[in-house]
N, C-alpha and C. Protein backbone atom coordinates (compact mmCIF):
# COMPACT_ATOMS: atom_id res chain seq x y z
N MET A 1 284.85 -43.27 110.09
CA MET A 1 284.39 -42.18 108.99
C MET A 1 283.66 -42.92 108.11
N ASN A 2 282.55 -42.91 107.77
CA ASN A 2 282.70 -43.82 106.46
C ASN A 2 282.40 -42.72 105.44
N GLN A 3 282.22 -43.55 103.78
CA GLN A 3 282.82 -42.78 102.87
C GLN A 3 281.49 -40.71 102.34
N LYS A 4 280.91 -41.57 102.82
CA LYS A 4 279.27 -40.35 102.34
C LYS A 4 279.38 -39.61 103.74
N SER A 5 280.33 -38.95 104.79
CA SER A 5 280.55 -38.22 105.28
C SER A 5 282.17 -37.57 104.55
N LYS A 6 283.14 -39.02 104.62
CA LYS A 6 284.11 -38.04 103.90
C LYS A 6 284.17 -36.94 102.81
N ASN A 7 283.37 -37.85 102.06
CA ASN A 7 282.62 -36.70 100.72
C ASN A 7 282.25 -35.46 101.40
N ILE A 8 281.23 -34.62 102.24
CA ILE A 8 280.76 -33.79 102.83
C ILE A 8 282.11 -33.46 103.35
N GLN A 9 282.89 -34.13 104.43
CA GLN A 9 284.11 -32.96 104.59
C GLN A 9 285.68 -32.63 103.16
N ASP A 10 284.87 -33.32 102.13
CA ASP A 10 285.84 -33.42 101.19
C ASP A 10 285.48 -31.61 100.97
N ILE A 11 284.03 -31.54 100.12
CA ILE A 11 283.44 -30.63 99.83
C ILE A 11 283.49 -29.75 100.34
N GLU A 12 283.49 -29.46 101.52
CA GLU A 12 283.55 -28.68 102.88
C GLU A 12 284.61 -27.66 102.74
N GLU A 13 286.11 -28.68 102.85
CA GLU A 13 286.93 -28.28 102.14
C GLU A 13 286.96 -27.75 101.71
N ILE A 14 286.96 -28.21 100.75
CA ILE A 14 287.08 -27.09 98.81
C ILE A 14 286.22 -25.96 98.84
N ALA A 15 284.61 -26.16 99.53
CA ALA A 15 284.25 -24.86 100.13
C ALA A 15 285.56 -23.41 100.29
N GLN A 16 285.68 -24.29 101.29
CA GLN A 16 286.67 -23.06 102.88
C GLN A 16 287.59 -22.87 102.20
N ASN A 17 288.37 -23.70 101.11
CA ASN A 17 289.15 -23.36 100.12
C ASN A 17 289.02 -21.98 99.00
N ALA A 18 288.29 -22.38 98.50
CA ALA A 18 287.65 -21.76 97.73
C ALA A 18 287.01 -19.86 98.64
N SER A 19 286.92 -19.64 99.51
CA SER A 19 286.70 -18.69 99.78
C SER A 19 287.98 -17.60 100.20
N CYS A 20 288.89 -18.31 100.58
CA CYS A 20 289.70 -18.03 100.99
C CYS A 20 291.16 -17.38 99.78
N GLY A 21 290.35 -17.59 97.96
CA GLY A 21 291.03 -17.46 97.39
C GLY A 21 291.27 -18.20 96.42
N GLU A 22 292.20 -19.79 97.06
CA GLU A 22 291.73 -20.88 96.33
C GLU A 22 291.76 -21.05 95.06
N ASP A 23 292.60 -21.37 94.15
CA ASP A 23 292.08 -22.24 93.16
C ASP A 23 291.65 -23.79 93.03
N VAL A 24 290.28 -24.05 93.23
CA VAL A 24 289.23 -25.14 93.52
C VAL A 24 289.14 -25.92 92.27
N SER A 25 289.27 -25.39 91.23
CA SER A 25 289.02 -25.48 89.81
C SER A 25 289.67 -27.40 89.72
N GLU A 26 290.28 -27.35 89.96
CA GLU A 26 290.60 -29.25 89.63
C GLU A 26 289.79 -29.78 89.91
N HIS A 27 289.20 -30.22 90.96
CA HIS A 27 287.99 -30.76 91.44
C HIS A 27 286.32 -30.63 90.90
N PHE A 28 286.97 -29.54 89.63
CA PHE A 28 285.48 -29.89 88.95
C PHE A 28 285.98 -29.76 87.26
N THR A 29 284.82 -30.74 86.92
CA THR A 29 284.95 -31.84 85.69
C THR A 29 284.34 -31.04 84.87
N GLY A 30 283.59 -30.32 85.23
CA GLY A 30 282.12 -30.32 83.85
C GLY A 30 281.41 -30.80 83.34
N GLN A 31 281.47 -32.33 83.85
CA GLN A 31 280.17 -32.90 83.77
C GLN A 31 279.16 -33.58 84.31
N PHE A 32 279.23 -32.43 85.61
CA PHE A 32 277.75 -32.69 86.76
C PHE A 32 277.21 -31.44 85.99
N GLN A 33 275.51 -31.87 86.15
CA GLN A 33 274.66 -31.09 85.40
C GLN A 33 273.97 -30.74 86.52
N ALA A 34 273.80 -29.43 86.56
CA ALA A 34 272.44 -29.34 88.18
C ALA A 34 271.21 -29.41 87.32
N LYS A 35 270.78 -30.15 88.64
CA LYS A 35 269.51 -30.53 88.15
C LYS A 35 267.67 -30.30 89.33
N GLN A 36 266.97 -30.06 88.35
CA GLN A 36 266.54 -29.65 89.72
C GLN A 36 264.64 -30.44 89.18
N GLN A 37 264.00 -31.71 90.55
CA GLN A 37 263.18 -31.68 90.44
C GLN A 37 262.08 -31.10 90.14
N VAL A 38 260.96 -31.31 89.19
CA VAL A 38 259.35 -31.18 89.07
C VAL A 38 258.42 -32.22 89.25
N ASN A 39 256.95 -31.42 89.85
CA ASN A 39 256.30 -32.30 89.84
C ASN A 39 255.02 -31.86 88.80
N ILE A 40 254.32 -32.81 87.83
CA ILE A 40 253.66 -31.81 86.65
C ILE A 40 252.30 -33.14 87.03
N ALA A 41 251.44 -32.51 87.11
CA ALA A 41 250.19 -33.56 86.61
C ALA A 41 249.68 -33.86 85.22
N LEU A 42 249.74 -34.53 84.49
CA LEU A 42 249.51 -35.02 83.06
C LEU A 42 247.96 -35.76 83.18
N PRO A 43 247.51 -35.68 82.06
CA PRO A 43 245.84 -36.21 82.10
C PRO A 43 246.54 -37.61 81.87
N LEU A 44 245.70 -38.43 82.54
CA LEU A 44 245.54 -40.12 81.99
C LEU A 44 246.36 -40.46 80.71
N GLU A 45 244.80 -40.14 80.05
CA GLU A 45 245.29 -40.37 78.39
C GLU A 45 246.60 -39.64 77.93
N LEU A 46 247.44 -38.82 77.98
CA LEU A 46 249.08 -38.78 77.39
C LEU A 46 249.63 -39.53 78.16
N LEU A 47 249.79 -39.79 79.15
CA LEU A 47 250.80 -40.67 80.42
C LEU A 47 250.48 -42.03 80.00
N ARG A 48 249.36 -42.75 79.62
CA ARG A 48 248.83 -43.81 78.52
C ARG A 48 250.28 -44.04 76.84
N ASN A 49 249.43 -43.00 76.66
CA ASN A 49 250.34 -42.54 75.37
C ASN A 49 251.88 -42.34 75.25
N ILE A 50 252.31 -41.83 76.13
CA ILE A 50 253.74 -41.78 76.40
C ILE A 50 254.55 -43.11 76.97
N ASP A 51 253.20 -43.63 78.04
CA ASP A 51 254.30 -45.07 78.45
C ASP A 51 254.36 -46.09 76.87
N ALA A 52 253.14 -45.91 76.14
CA ALA A 52 252.94 -47.01 74.70
C ALA A 52 254.45 -46.43 73.95
N GLU A 53 254.62 -45.20 74.02
CA GLU A 53 255.96 -45.03 73.18
C GLU A 53 257.43 -44.78 73.89
N CYS A 54 256.94 -45.05 75.13
CA CYS A 54 258.82 -45.42 75.79
C CYS A 54 258.25 -46.47 76.29
N GLN A 55 257.60 -47.95 76.01
CA GLN A 55 257.65 -49.42 76.12
C GLN A 55 258.20 -49.56 74.28
N ARG A 56 257.90 -48.87 73.53
CA ARG A 56 257.48 -49.04 71.29
C ARG A 56 259.34 -48.60 71.52
N GLN A 57 260.24 -47.56 72.26
CA GLN A 57 261.12 -46.86 72.16
C GLN A 57 262.46 -48.33 73.40
N ASN A 58 261.52 -48.48 74.25
CA ASN A 58 262.72 -48.88 75.03
C ASN A 58 263.38 -48.24 76.16
N ILE A 59 262.60 -47.53 76.42
CA ILE A 59 262.84 -46.61 77.05
C ILE A 59 261.96 -45.70 78.48
N ASN A 60 262.72 -45.55 79.98
CA ASN A 60 261.78 -45.51 80.97
C ASN A 60 261.11 -43.96 80.37
N ARG A 61 259.76 -43.90 80.90
CA ARG A 61 259.18 -42.57 80.76
C ARG A 61 259.77 -40.81 81.65
N GLN A 62 261.12 -41.79 82.00
CA GLN A 62 261.63 -39.83 82.37
C GLN A 62 262.56 -39.35 82.06
N ASP A 63 262.66 -40.60 80.97
CA ASP A 63 263.98 -40.32 79.85
C ASP A 63 263.53 -39.74 78.48
N TRP A 64 262.97 -41.04 78.32
CA TRP A 64 261.25 -39.99 77.07
C TRP A 64 260.88 -38.75 77.19
N ILE A 65 260.37 -38.23 78.79
CA ILE A 65 259.87 -36.74 78.87
C ILE A 65 260.99 -35.77 79.08
N LYS A 66 262.26 -36.35 79.03
CA LYS A 66 263.18 -35.18 79.22
C LYS A 66 263.55 -35.10 77.17
N ILE A 67 264.08 -36.27 76.81
CA ILE A 67 264.07 -36.50 75.27
C ILE A 67 262.78 -35.41 74.67
N ALA A 68 261.90 -35.49 75.04
CA ALA A 68 261.17 -34.70 74.36
C ALA A 68 260.68 -33.70 74.46
N CYS A 69 261.12 -33.00 75.78
CA CYS A 69 261.31 -31.09 76.17
C CYS A 69 262.48 -30.70 75.68
N ALA A 70 263.24 -31.21 75.00
CA ALA A 70 265.10 -30.85 74.68
C ALA A 70 264.30 -30.58 72.89
N GLU A 71 263.87 -31.59 72.97
CA GLU A 71 263.81 -31.82 71.15
C GLU A 71 263.00 -30.46 70.78
N LYS A 72 261.58 -30.12 71.73
CA LYS A 72 260.69 -29.44 71.24
C LYS A 72 260.97 -27.92 71.66
N VAL A 73 262.05 -27.62 72.33
CA VAL A 73 263.04 -26.53 73.48
C VAL A 73 263.55 -26.23 72.08
N ASN A 74 264.50 -27.07 71.60
CA ASN A 74 265.37 -27.19 69.95
C ASN A 74 265.06 -26.90 69.14
N GLU A 75 263.55 -27.50 68.96
CA GLU A 75 263.17 -26.66 67.65
C GLU A 75 262.74 -25.56 67.35
N SER A 76 261.87 -24.96 68.75
CA SER A 76 262.04 -23.65 69.68
C SER A 76 262.91 -22.63 68.89
N GLN A 77 264.03 -23.44 69.26
CA GLN A 77 264.88 -21.93 69.35
C GLN A 77 265.27 -21.88 67.97
N LYS A 78 265.55 -22.87 67.16
CA LYS A 78 265.47 -22.61 65.48
C LYS A 78 264.80 -22.15 64.81
N GLN A 79 263.33 -22.27 64.97
CA GLN A 79 262.59 -21.12 64.38
C GLN A 79 262.37 -20.15 65.13
N GLU A 80 263.32 -19.29 66.07
CA GLU A 80 263.57 -18.19 66.98
C GLU A 80 264.73 -17.44 66.02
N THR A 81 265.80 -18.47 65.73
CA THR A 81 266.77 -17.48 65.01
C THR A 81 266.97 -17.34 63.25
N PRO A 82 267.31 -16.68 62.77
CA PRO A 82 267.34 -16.01 61.32
C PRO A 82 268.17 -16.72 61.02
N ASN A 83 267.07 -16.97 59.69
CA ASN A 83 267.70 -17.65 58.78
C ASN A 83 269.43 -16.94 57.94
N ASN A 84 269.68 -17.70 58.31
CA ASN A 84 271.63 -16.98 58.15
C ASN A 84 272.05 -17.27 56.43
N SER A 85 270.90 -17.68 55.55
CA SER A 85 270.69 -16.81 53.90
C SER A 85 270.71 -15.34 53.61
N THR A 86 271.36 -15.00 52.76
CA THR A 86 271.48 -13.71 52.41
C THR A 86 270.22 -13.48 51.31
N THR A 87 269.73 -12.52 51.43
CA THR A 87 268.38 -11.48 50.67
C THR A 87 269.27 -10.50 49.68
N ARG A 88 268.62 -10.68 48.60
CA ARG A 88 269.04 -10.18 47.88
C ARG A 88 268.05 -8.70 46.95
């Protein structure tokens, strides 16, 4: 049995144990992040600008896009959070 099919069998055993009510938490590290692949069409000029920035920062396009999206979401969330200072 190759390593991949052994991993699948182990996953199936863990799922079976979980469905029987057993504690399977030891198998989860919390380091896994669920991901979903998306396809997006961007204007060519924007891609050229992104690629130039990637080259400048020495990172790949996918990483740059993930960082840019995360920064934009964080910025937006900060704007929605009420200021914690008290008013007089």
